[in-house]
Amino acid sequence: MSDVDVIKSIGEKLRSARRARNQSLEGIAGITRINKKFLEDIEEGITPDLPSAYIRAFIRDYAIEVGISPSELLEEYLALSVKGAEDTSRRATTFLNSQFKPTVLDEKIGTTPTKHLPILLILISVIAVGLMIQRPQV
């Protein structure tokens, strides 16, 4: 089942339950305090352009109001959300890997501190001793 089919399936179940109870969309919107446009979008299988948490809450409240258990609908929606998050993560990783490849400079920077550490420590020690010798005694 595709993503669109899952959303449409959720919307059809909610619409059928609402009609079976002879409730109007305006009535559901008034009771749940959910904008009628969002309820229409959900019934039509259109995902409103809102954060996922809002959509889950709308589905839950709508399902409770029309007398069906929201758990099944939320499981379907959450499965869709998880799949979408995995797809987004995979696309982002692919993009980042293609855009930001390690360079020769990155490799040199990664080995420079350990390679030159003894020389750096000796240089710092010589400078410290030189400063201590030149400092005027009080």
Protein backbone atom coordinates (compact mmCIF):
# COMPACT_ATOMS: atom_id res chain seq x y z
CA MET A 1 0.00 0.00 0.00
CA SER A 2 1.45 3.38 -0.98
CA ASP A 3 1.67 6.41 1.29
CA VAL A 4 -1.24 8.08 -0.49
CA ASP A 5 -3.35 4.93 -0.12
CA VAL A 6 -2.67 4.80 3.63
CA ILE A 7 -3.76 8.41 4.13
CA LYS A 8 -6.84 7.87 1.96
CA SER A 9 -7.68 4.71 3.89
CA ILE A 10 -7.56 6.61 7.18
CA GLY A 11 -9.73 9.37 5.71
CA GLU A 12 -12.28 6.92 4.31
CA LYS A 13 -12.59 5.13 7.65
CA LEU A 14 -13.19 8.41 9.44
CA ARG A 15 -15.70 9.61 6.84
CA SER A 16 -17.61 6.30 6.92
CA ALA A 17 -17.82 6.35 10.70
CA ARG A 18 -18.99 9.98 10.68
CA ARG A 19 -21.68 9.28 8.10
CA ALA A 20 -22.79 6.14 9.94
CA ARG A 21 -23.39 8.29 13.01
CA ASN A 22 -25.14 10.94 10.91
CA GLN A 23 -22.73 13.66 12.02
CA SER A 24 -21.79 16.67 9.94
CA LEU A 25 -18.23 17.77 9.36
CA GLU A 26 -19.14 21.16 10.82
CA GLY A 27 -20.38 19.45 13.98
CA ILE A 28 -17.16 17.44 14.33
CA ALA A 29 -15.11 20.60 13.75
CA GLY A 30 -17.07 22.46 16.44
CA ILE A 31 -16.80 19.70 19.03
CA THR A 32 -13.12 18.89 18.43
CA ARG A 33 -12.13 22.51 17.74
CA ILE A 34 -10.27 21.33 14.66
CA ASN A 35 -10.49 23.57 11.61
CA LYS A 36 -13.02 22.12 9.15
CA LYS A 37 -10.49 22.46 6.30
CA PHE A 38 -8.06 20.12 8.09
CA LEU A 39 -10.83 17.56 8.65
CA GLU A 40 -11.80 17.78 4.97
CA ASP A 41 -8.16 17.26 3.95
CA ILE A 42 -7.86 14.19 6.18
CA GLU A 43 -11.09 12.74 4.76
CA GLU A 44 -9.85 13.35 1.22
CA GLY A 45 -6.54 11.65 1.93
CA ILE A 46 -4.56 14.87 1.78
CA THR A 47 -1.97 15.36 4.50
CA PRO A 48 -2.35 18.89 5.90
CA ASP A 49 0.81 20.96 5.84
CA LEU A 50 1.23 20.74 9.60
CA PRO A 51 3.65 19.05 11.99
CA SER A 52 3.08 15.34 12.40
CA ALA A 53 2.10 15.76 16.06
CA TYR A 54 -0.88 17.92 15.06
CA ILE A 55 -2.03 15.46 12.42
CA ARG A 56 -1.83 12.58 14.91
CA ALA A 57 -3.86 14.60 17.42
CA PHE A 58 -6.45 15.47 14.76
CA ILE A 59 -6.80 11.82 13.71
CA ARG A 60 -7.08 10.73 17.35
CA ASP A 61 -9.71 13.36 18.28
CA TYR A 62 -11.70 12.81 15.09
CA ALA A 63 -11.72 9.03 15.60
CA ILE A 64 -12.85 9.34 19.22
CA GLU A 65 -15.64 11.72 18.23
CA VAL A 66 -17.01 9.39 15.54
CA GLY A 67 -16.83 6.42 17.89
CA ILE A 68 -13.96 4.38 16.48
CA SER A 69 -10.78 3.35 18.23
CA PRO A 70 -7.98 5.73 17.26
CA SER A 71 -5.22 3.19 17.94
CA GLU A 72 -5.53 1.36 14.59
CA LEU A 73 -5.59 4.59 12.60
CA LEU A 74 -2.66 6.02 14.55
CA GLU A 75 -0.65 2.83 14.03
CA GLU A 76 -1.20 3.14 10.27
CA TYR A 77 -0.23 6.80 10.32
CA LEU A 78 2.81 6.21 12.56
CA ALA A 79 4.03 3.40 10.30
CA LEU A 80 3.79 5.85 7.41
CA SER A 81 5.64 8.53 9.43
CA VAL A 82 8.46 6.14 10.37
CA LYS A 83 8.85 5.04 6.76
CA GLY A 84 8.92 8.69 5.67
CA ALA A 85 11.55 9.54 8.28
CA GLU A 86 13.72 6.63 7.14
CA ASP A 87 13.42 7.74 3.51
CA THR A 88 14.28 11.32 4.45
CA SER A 89 17.26 10.19 6.50
CA ARG A 90 18.53 8.01 3.66
CA ARG A 91 18.16 10.85 1.12
CA ALA A 92 19.93 13.31 3.44
CA THR A 93 22.81 10.91 4.04
CA THR A 94 23.20 10.28 0.31
CA PHE A 95 23.15 14.02 -0.39
CA LEU A 96 25.70 14.82 2.31
CA ASN A 97 28.00 12.02 1.19
CA SER A 98 27.86 13.22 -2.40
CA GLN A 99 28.46 16.88 -1.52
CA PHE A 100 31.08 16.61 1.17
CA LYS A 101 33.71 14.08 0.25
CA PRO A 102 36.90 13.98 2.34
CA THR A 103 39.75 15.81 0.70
CA VAL A 104 43.52 15.36 0.85
CA LEU A 105 43.66 18.37 3.16
CA ASP A 106 41.22 16.70 5.60
CA GLU A 107 43.48 13.66 5.71
CA LYS A 108 46.59 15.79 6.34
CA ILE A 109 44.86 17.75 9.09
CA GLY A 110 43.84 14.50 10.74
CA THR A 111 47.47 13.25 10.97
CA THR A 112 49.36 16.51 11.54
CA PRO A 113 48.93 16.92 15.33
CA THR A 114 50.22 13.44 16.20
CA LYS A 115 52.99 13.56 13.63
CA HIS A 116 54.46 16.87 14.82
CA LEU A 117 53.58 16.69 18.52
CA PRO A 118 57.12 15.99 19.81
CA ILE A 119 58.55 18.93 17.84
CA LEU A 120 55.76 21.19 19.07
CA LEU A 121 56.36 20.21 22.72
CA ILE A 122 60.11 20.89 22.42
CA LEU A 123 59.44 24.28 20.83
CA ILE A 124 57.02 25.27 23.58
CA SER A 125 59.51 24.16 26.24
CA VAL A 126 62.33 26.22 24.68
CA ILE A 127 60.11 29.31 24.51
CA ALA A 128 58.99 28.85 28.14
CA VAL A 129 62.59 28.51 29.37
CA GLY A 130 63.63 31.56 27.33
CA LEU A 131 60.83 33.66 28.83
CA MET A 132 61.77 32.58 32.34
CA ILE A 133 65.42 33.51 31.80
CA GLN A 134 64.64 36.94 30.34
CA ARG A 135 62.11 37.87 33.01
CA PRO A 136 63.59 40.49 35.34
CA GLN A 137 64.16 39.32 38.91
CA VAL A 138 62.43 41.40 41.55
